[in-house]
Amino acid sequence: MAEKEIFFTDKAPKPVGPYSQAVIHNGLMYVSGQIPLDPESGALVRGTIEDETEAVMNNLRMIVEGAGAAMEDVLRVSCFLADMEDFPRFNAVYATYFTNNPPARSTFQAAKLPLDVQVEVDAIVALPENV
């Protein structure tokens, strides 16, 4: 049985709890939920839902690309919003990261997200065979 590999890139925020940025197993990378943290300072990115979504999606992209994959390799995402009323505005930013063949997705309204952010996104990614 293949061992799991812990993945980390310094281009994305460090985990703020007892979890890994991502875990790789059998050619798939499971990316932990990303919230709007600045990768350099670790500070929260506060602002509109668009500002927070942009930060979250950039963090996700940095992890995906750091593992040698591309956003087109993302198979599935789970999106968590503090307020489902923000869905159209969230979706407008999200769509710019998946312009061709977007992944499968679930979107939920969460009663409360970590550090009172407005959005969190996790992902499952198919890694290229040469990675």
N, C-alpha and C. Protein backbone atom coordinates (compact mmCIF):
# COMPACT_ATOMS: atom_id res chain seq x y z
N MET A 1 0.84 -1.19 0.00
CA MET A 1 0.00 0.00 0.00
C MET A 1 0.89 1.25 0.00
N ALA A 2 0.54 2.20 -0.83
CA ALA A 2 1.34 3.43 -0.93
C ALA A 2 1.23 4.25 0.35
N GLU A 3 2.33 4.86 0.70
CA GLU A 3 2.37 5.74 1.88
C GLU A 3 1.81 7.10 1.52
N LYS A 4 1.26 7.76 2.51
CA LYS A 4 0.83 9.13 2.25
C LYS A 4 2.04 10.04 2.40
N GLU A 5 2.05 11.10 1.59
CA GLU A 5 3.12 12.09 1.63
C GLU A 5 2.52 13.43 2.02
N ILE A 6 3.14 14.08 2.99
CA ILE A 6 2.70 15.40 3.40
C ILE A 6 3.32 16.42 2.45
N PHE A 7 2.50 17.31 1.92
CA PHE A 7 2.98 18.33 1.00
C PHE A 7 2.90 19.70 1.65
N PHE A 8 3.93 20.51 1.40
CA PHE A 8 3.96 21.88 1.92
C PHE A 8 4.69 22.77 0.93
N THR A 9 4.17 23.97 0.72
CA THR A 9 4.88 25.00 -0.04
C THR A 9 4.86 26.28 0.78
N ASP A 10 5.96 27.00 0.76
CA ASP A 10 6.01 28.27 1.49
C ASP A 10 5.35 29.40 0.70
N LYS A 11 4.81 29.10 -0.48
CA LYS A 11 4.09 30.10 -1.28
C LYS A 11 2.64 30.23 -0.86
N ALA A 12 2.20 29.38 0.04
CA ALA A 12 0.84 29.43 0.59
C ALA A 12 0.96 29.56 2.11
N PRO A 13 -0.12 29.97 2.77
CA PRO A 13 -0.06 30.15 4.22
C PRO A 13 0.26 28.85 4.96
N LYS A 14 0.98 29.00 6.05
CA LYS A 14 1.23 27.86 6.93
C LYS A 14 -0.08 27.47 7.59
N PRO A 15 -0.28 26.19 7.86
CA PRO A 15 -1.48 25.77 8.58
C PRO A 15 -1.59 26.47 9.94
N VAL A 16 -2.81 26.81 10.32
CA VAL A 16 -3.04 27.48 11.60
C VAL A 16 -3.52 26.51 12.67
N GLY A 17 -3.39 25.23 12.40
CA GLY A 17 -3.81 24.20 13.34
C GLY A 17 -3.08 22.90 13.06
N PRO A 18 -3.52 21.83 13.70
CA PRO A 18 -2.85 20.53 13.53
C PRO A 18 -3.30 19.79 12.26
N TYR A 19 -2.94 20.35 11.12
CA TYR A 19 -3.25 19.72 9.84
C TYR A 19 -2.17 20.09 8.84
N SER A 20 -2.15 19.41 7.71
CA SER A 20 -1.18 19.66 6.65
C SER A 20 -1.82 20.53 5.57
N GLN A 21 -0.99 21.28 4.84
CA GLN A 21 -1.52 22.03 3.69
C GLN A 21 -2.19 21.06 2.73
N ALA A 22 -1.50 19.94 2.49
CA ALA A 22 -2.04 18.94 1.57
C ALA A 22 -1.40 17.59 1.87
N VAL A 23 -2.10 16.55 1.45
CA VAL A 23 -1.60 15.18 1.57
C VAL A 23 -1.70 14.55 0.18
N ILE A 24 -0.64 13.86 -0.22
CA ILE A 24 -0.61 13.18 -1.51
C ILE A 24 -0.67 11.68 -1.25
N HIS A 25 -1.54 11.01 -2.01
CA HIS A 25 -1.68 9.55 -1.88
C HIS A 25 -2.22 9.00 -3.19
N ASN A 26 -1.52 8.00 -3.72
CA ASN A 26 -1.96 7.32 -4.95
C ASN A 26 -2.28 8.28 -6.09
N GLY A 27 -1.43 9.27 -6.30
CA GLY A 27 -1.60 10.18 -7.43
C GLY A 27 -2.60 11.29 -7.24
N LEU A 28 -3.19 11.37 -6.06
CA LEU A 28 -4.14 12.44 -5.76
C LEU A 28 -3.59 13.30 -4.64
N MET A 29 -3.87 14.59 -4.73
CA MET A 29 -3.50 15.51 -3.65
C MET A 29 -4.80 16.04 -3.04
N TYR A 30 -4.87 15.93 -1.73
CA TYR A 30 -6.02 16.41 -0.97
C TYR A 30 -5.58 17.69 -0.27
N VAL A 31 -6.12 18.82 -0.73
CA VAL A 31 -5.72 20.13 -0.21
C VAL A 31 -6.67 20.53 0.91
N SER A 32 -6.09 20.88 2.06
CA SER A 32 -6.90 21.34 3.19
C SER A 32 -7.60 22.64 2.85
N GLY A 33 -8.66 22.92 3.59
CA GLY A 33 -9.42 24.14 3.38
C GLY A 33 -8.53 25.37 3.48
N GLN A 34 -8.61 26.20 2.47
CA GLN A 34 -7.84 27.44 2.44
C GLN A 34 -8.75 28.60 2.81
N ILE A 35 -8.24 29.45 3.70
CA ILE A 35 -8.95 30.66 4.08
C ILE A 35 -8.12 31.85 3.63
N PRO A 36 -8.67 33.06 3.69
CA PRO A 36 -7.94 34.22 3.17
C PRO A 36 -6.83 34.71 4.09
N LEU A 37 -5.73 33.96 4.08
CA LEU A 37 -4.54 34.36 4.83
C LEU A 37 -3.47 34.81 3.84
N ASP A 38 -2.76 35.86 4.18
CA ASP A 38 -1.63 36.30 3.38
C ASP A 38 -0.49 35.33 3.61
N PRO A 39 0.07 34.73 2.55
CA PRO A 39 1.13 33.72 2.73
C PRO A 39 2.40 34.27 3.37
N GLU A 40 2.72 35.52 3.13
CA GLU A 40 3.95 36.08 3.67
C GLU A 40 3.82 36.48 5.13
N SER A 41 2.75 37.17 5.48
CA SER A 41 2.61 37.69 6.84
C SER A 41 1.80 36.78 7.74
N GLY A 42 0.96 35.94 7.15
CA GLY A 42 0.06 35.10 7.94
C GLY A 42 -1.16 35.86 8.41
N ALA A 43 -1.27 37.13 8.04
CA ALA A 43 -2.40 37.96 8.46
C ALA A 43 -3.63 37.64 7.61
N LEU A 44 -4.78 37.80 8.22
CA LEU A 44 -6.03 37.62 7.49
C LEU A 44 -6.20 38.72 6.45
N VAL A 45 -6.72 38.34 5.31
CA VAL A 45 -7.10 39.30 4.28
C VAL A 45 -8.58 39.60 4.55
N ARG A 46 -8.87 40.79 4.96
CA ARG A 46 -10.25 41.21 5.25
C ARG A 46 -10.71 42.13 4.13
N GLY A 47 -11.97 42.07 3.84
CA GLY A 47 -12.53 42.94 2.82
C GLY A 47 -13.84 42.37 2.32
N THR A 48 -14.11 42.60 1.06
CA THR A 48 -15.33 42.09 0.44
C THR A 48 -15.22 40.59 0.22
N ILE A 49 -16.33 39.98 -0.12
CA ILE A 49 -16.29 38.56 -0.46
C ILE A 49 -15.37 38.33 -1.65
N GLU A 50 -15.32 39.28 -2.56
CA GLU A 50 -14.42 39.16 -3.71
C GLU A 50 -12.96 39.17 -3.26
N ASP A 51 -12.61 40.07 -2.34
CA ASP A 51 -11.23 40.15 -1.83
C ASP A 51 -10.83 38.84 -1.15
N GLU A 52 -11.72 38.32 -0.31
CA GLU A 52 -11.41 37.09 0.41
C GLU A 52 -11.36 35.89 -0.53
N THR A 53 -12.27 35.84 -1.50
CA THR A 53 -12.26 34.74 -2.46
C THR A 53 -10.98 34.76 -3.28
N GLU A 54 -10.56 35.93 -3.71
CA GLU A 54 -9.31 36.06 -4.48
C GLU A 54 -8.12 35.52 -3.67
N ALA A 55 -8.05 35.87 -2.40
CA ALA A 55 -6.96 35.39 -1.54
C ALA A 55 -7.02 33.87 -1.38
N VAL A 56 -8.20 33.33 -1.16
CA VAL A 56 -8.37 31.89 -0.99
C VAL A 56 -7.97 31.15 -2.26
N MET A 57 -8.44 31.63 -3.39
CA MET A 57 -8.16 30.94 -4.66
C MET A 57 -6.68 31.06 -5.04
N ASN A 58 -6.06 32.17 -4.72
CA ASN A 58 -4.62 32.29 -4.96
C ASN A 58 -3.85 31.31 -4.10
N ASN A 59 -4.25 31.16 -2.84
CA ASN A 59 -3.59 30.19 -1.96
C ASN A 59 -3.76 28.77 -2.49
N LEU A 60 -4.95 28.44 -2.92
CA LEU A 60 -5.20 27.12 -3.49
C LEU A 60 -4.33 26.91 -4.72
N ARG A 61 -4.28 27.89 -5.59
CA ARG A 61 -3.46 27.80 -6.82
C ARG A 61 -1.99 27.59 -6.49
N MET A 62 -1.48 28.28 -5.47
CA MET A 62 -0.06 28.14 -5.10
C MET A 62 0.25 26.71 -4.65
N ILE A 63 -0.67 26.10 -3.92
CA ILE A 63 -0.47 24.73 -3.47
C ILE A 63 -0.53 23.77 -4.67
N VAL A 64 -1.53 23.93 -5.50
CA VAL A 64 -1.68 23.08 -6.69
C VAL A 64 -0.44 23.18 -7.57
N GLU A 65 -0.04 24.39 -7.89
CA GLU A 65 1.12 24.58 -8.76
C GLU A 65 2.42 24.16 -8.08
N GLY A 66 2.50 24.33 -6.77
CA GLY A 66 3.69 23.91 -6.04
C GLY A 66 3.91 22.41 -6.11
N ALA A 67 2.85 21.67 -6.30
CA ALA A 67 2.94 20.21 -6.42
C ALA A 67 3.15 19.76 -7.86
N GLY A 68 3.28 20.72 -8.78
CA GLY A 68 3.53 20.39 -10.17
C GLY A 68 2.27 20.18 -11.00
N ALA A 69 1.13 20.55 -10.47
CA ALA A 69 -0.13 20.41 -11.19
C ALA A 69 -0.61 21.79 -11.64
N ALA A 70 -1.77 21.83 -12.24
CA ALA A 70 -2.38 23.07 -12.68
C ALA A 70 -3.84 23.08 -12.22
N MET A 71 -4.45 24.24 -12.26
CA MET A 71 -5.84 24.34 -11.82
C MET A 71 -6.75 23.43 -12.67
N GLU A 72 -6.36 23.14 -13.89
CA GLU A 72 -7.14 22.22 -14.73
C GLU A 72 -7.11 20.79 -14.18
N ASP A 73 -6.15 20.50 -13.30
CA ASP A 73 -6.05 19.17 -12.70
C ASP A 73 -6.91 19.00 -11.45
N VAL A 74 -7.55 20.07 -11.02
CA VAL A 74 -8.42 20.00 -9.84
C VAL A 74 -9.67 19.21 -10.23
N LEU A 75 -9.93 18.15 -9.48
CA LEU A 75 -11.07 17.27 -9.77
C LEU A 75 -12.34 17.71 -9.06
N ARG A 76 -12.18 18.12 -7.80
CA ARG A 76 -13.35 18.43 -6.97
C ARG A 76 -12.98 19.48 -5.95
N VAL A 77 -13.92 20.37 -5.66
CA VAL A 77 -13.74 21.34 -4.59
C VAL A 77 -14.98 21.36 -3.71
N SER A 78 -14.76 21.72 -2.47
CA SER A 78 -15.85 22.03 -1.55
C SER A 78 -15.67 23.49 -1.16
N CYS A 79 -16.74 24.25 -1.27
CA CYS A 79 -16.71 25.68 -0.97
C CYS A 79 -17.64 25.95 0.20
N PHE A 80 -17.16 26.72 1.14
CA PHE A 80 -17.93 27.05 2.33
C PHE A 80 -18.05 28.57 2.40
N LEU A 81 -19.28 29.05 2.47
CA LEU A 81 -19.55 30.48 2.56
C LEU A 81 -20.24 30.78 3.88
N ALA A 82 -19.87 31.90 4.48
CA ALA A 82 -20.53 32.32 5.70
C ALA A 82 -21.96 32.77 5.40
N ASP A 83 -22.20 33.25 4.18
CA ASP A 83 -23.52 33.74 3.80
C ASP A 83 -23.78 33.37 2.34
N MET A 84 -24.77 32.51 2.11
CA MET A 84 -25.08 32.06 0.76
C MET A 84 -25.55 33.21 -0.13
N GLU A 85 -25.93 34.32 0.45
CA GLU A 85 -26.28 35.50 -0.35
C GLU A 85 -25.06 36.00 -1.14
N ASP A 86 -23.85 35.65 -0.68
CA ASP A 86 -22.62 36.05 -1.37
C ASP A 86 -22.28 35.13 -2.55
N PHE A 87 -23.08 34.09 -2.76
CA PHE A 87 -22.75 33.09 -3.78
C PHE A 87 -22.49 33.68 -5.16
N PRO A 88 -23.34 34.56 -5.70
CA PRO A 88 -23.06 35.08 -7.04
C PRO A 88 -21.73 35.85 -7.11
N ARG A 89 -21.42 36.62 -6.09
CA ARG A 89 -20.16 37.38 -6.08
C ARG A 89 -18.96 36.46 -5.89
N PHE A 90 -19.08 35.46 -5.03
CA PHE A 90 -18.04 34.44 -4.86
C PHE A 90 -17.82 33.72 -6.20
N ASN A 91 -18.91 33.31 -6.82
CA ASN A 91 -18.85 32.53 -8.05
C ASN A 91 -18.17 33.30 -9.18
N ALA A 92 -18.37 34.60 -9.23
CA ALA A 92 -17.75 35.41 -10.28
C ALA A 92 -16.23 35.36 -10.19
N VAL A 93 -15.69 35.42 -8.98
CA VAL A 93 -14.24 35.33 -8.79
C VAL A 93 -13.77 33.89 -9.01
N TYR A 94 -14.45 32.94 -8.40
CA TYR A 94 -14.11 31.53 -8.51
C TYR A 94 -13.99 31.11 -9.98
N ALA A 95 -14.94 31.55 -10.80
CA ALA A 95 -14.98 31.15 -12.22
C ALA A 95 -13.73 31.56 -12.98
N THR A 96 -13.06 32.62 -12.56
CA THR A 96 -11.85 33.06 -13.26
C THR A 96 -10.68 32.11 -13.05
N TYR A 97 -10.76 31.23 -12.07
CA TYR A 97 -9.70 30.27 -11.79
C TYR A 97 -9.93 28.94 -12.50
N PHE A 98 -11.14 28.73 -13.01
CA PHE A 98 -11.49 27.49 -13.70
C PHE A 98 -12.22 27.84 -14.99
N THR A 99 -11.47 28.32 -15.97
CA THR A 99 -12.09 28.79 -17.21
C THR A 99 -12.41 27.66 -18.18
N ASN A 100 -11.68 26.53 -18.08
CA ASN A 100 -11.93 25.37 -18.94
C ASN A 100 -12.15 24.14 -18.09
N ASN A 101 -13.17 23.39 -18.41
CA ASN A 101 -13.44 22.12 -17.72
C ASN A 101 -13.37 22.25 -16.20
N PRO A 102 -14.26 23.03 -15.59
CA PRO A 102 -14.20 23.23 -14.15
C PRO A 102 -14.42 21.91 -13.39
N PRO A 103 -13.92 21.86 -12.15
CA PRO A 103 -14.06 20.64 -11.36
C PRO A 103 -15.50 20.46 -10.85
N ALA A 104 -15.77 19.27 -10.37
CA ALA A 104 -17.01 19.04 -9.64
C ALA A 104 -16.95 19.89 -8.37
N ARG A 105 -18.12 20.29 -7.86
CA ARG A 105 -18.09 21.21 -6.73
C ARG A 105 -19.35 21.07 -5.89
N SER A 106 -19.15 21.28 -4.59
CA SER A 106 -20.26 21.46 -3.65
C SER A 106 -20.05 22.80 -2.97
N THR A 107 -21.14 23.51 -2.73
CA THR A 107 -21.05 24.78 -2.01
C THR A 107 -22.05 24.75 -0.87
N PHE A 108 -21.56 25.15 0.32
CA PHE A 108 -22.38 25.11 1.51
C PHE A 108 -22.34 26.45 2.23
N GLN A 109 -23.41 26.77 2.92
CA GLN A 109 -23.35 27.88 3.87
C GLN A 109 -22.98 27.27 5.21
N ALA A 110 -21.94 27.82 5.82
CA ALA A 110 -21.47 27.32 7.12
C ALA A 110 -21.87 28.30 8.21
N ALA A 111 -22.29 27.79 9.33
CA ALA A 111 -22.72 28.65 10.43
C ALA A 111 -21.58 29.56 10.90
N LYS A 112 -20.37 29.02 10.88
CA LYS A 112 -19.20 29.80 11.30
C LYS A 112 -17.97 29.16 10.68
N LEU A 113 -17.11 30.00 10.11
CA LEU A 113 -15.87 29.52 9.51
C LEU A 113 -14.69 29.94 10.40
N PRO A 114 -13.53 29.27 10.24
CA PRO A 114 -12.37 29.61 11.07
C PRO A 114 -12.03 31.10 10.99
N LEU A 115 -11.71 31.67 12.13
CA LEU A 115 -11.30 33.07 12.25
C LEU A 115 -12.33 34.04 11.68
N ASP A 116 -13.58 33.60 11.63
CA ASP A 116 -14.70 34.42 11.14
C ASP A 116 -14.52 34.94 9.72
N VAL A 117 -13.88 34.13 8.87
CA VAL A 117 -13.73 34.52 7.47
C VAL A 117 -15.05 34.31 6.75
N GLN A 118 -15.13 34.81 5.52
CA GLN A 118 -16.34 34.69 4.73
C GLN A 118 -16.35 33.49 3.80
N VAL A 119 -15.16 32.91 3.55
CA VAL A 119 -15.06 31.83 2.57
C VAL A 119 -13.91 30.89 2.90
N GLU A 120 -14.11 29.61 2.60
CA GLU A 120 -13.07 28.59 2.70
C GLU A 120 -13.28 27.61 1.55
N VAL A 121 -12.18 27.14 0.96
CA VAL A 121 -12.26 26.20 -0.17
C VAL A 121 -11.20 25.12 0.01
N ASP A 122 -11.61 23.85 -0.16
CA ASP A 122 -10.64 22.75 -0.21
C ASP A 122 -10.73 22.07 -1.56
N ALA A 123 -9.81 21.15 -1.85
CA ALA A 123 -9.78 20.56 -3.19
C ALA A 123 -9.15 19.18 -3.20
N ILE A 124 -9.50 18.43 -4.24
CA ILE A 124 -8.85 17.16 -4.57
C ILE A 124 -8.29 17.35 -5.98
N VAL A 125 -6.99 17.02 -6.14
CA VAL A 125 -6.28 17.30 -7.37
C VAL A 125 -5.63 16.03 -7.90
N ALA A 126 -5.74 15.80 -9.20
CA ALA A 126 -5.04 14.70 -9.86
C ALA A 126 -3.65 15.21 -10.23
N LEU A 127 -2.62 14.58 -9.70
CA LEU A 127 -1.26 15.01 -9.99
C LEU A 127 -0.76 14.38 -11.29
N PRO A 128 0.01 15.13 -12.07
CA PRO A 128 0.60 14.55 -13.27
C PRO A 128 1.47 13.35 -12.89
N GLU A 129 1.59 12.38 -13.77
CA GLU A 129 2.31 11.15 -13.46
C GLU A 129 3.78 11.37 -13.20
N ASN A 130 4.38 12.42 -13.74
CA ASN A 130 5.81 12.65 -13.54
C ASN A 130 6.12 13.40 -12.26
N VAL A 131 5.12 13.67 -11.44
CA VAL A 131 5.35 14.38 -10.18
C VAL A 131 5.61 13.39 -9.07
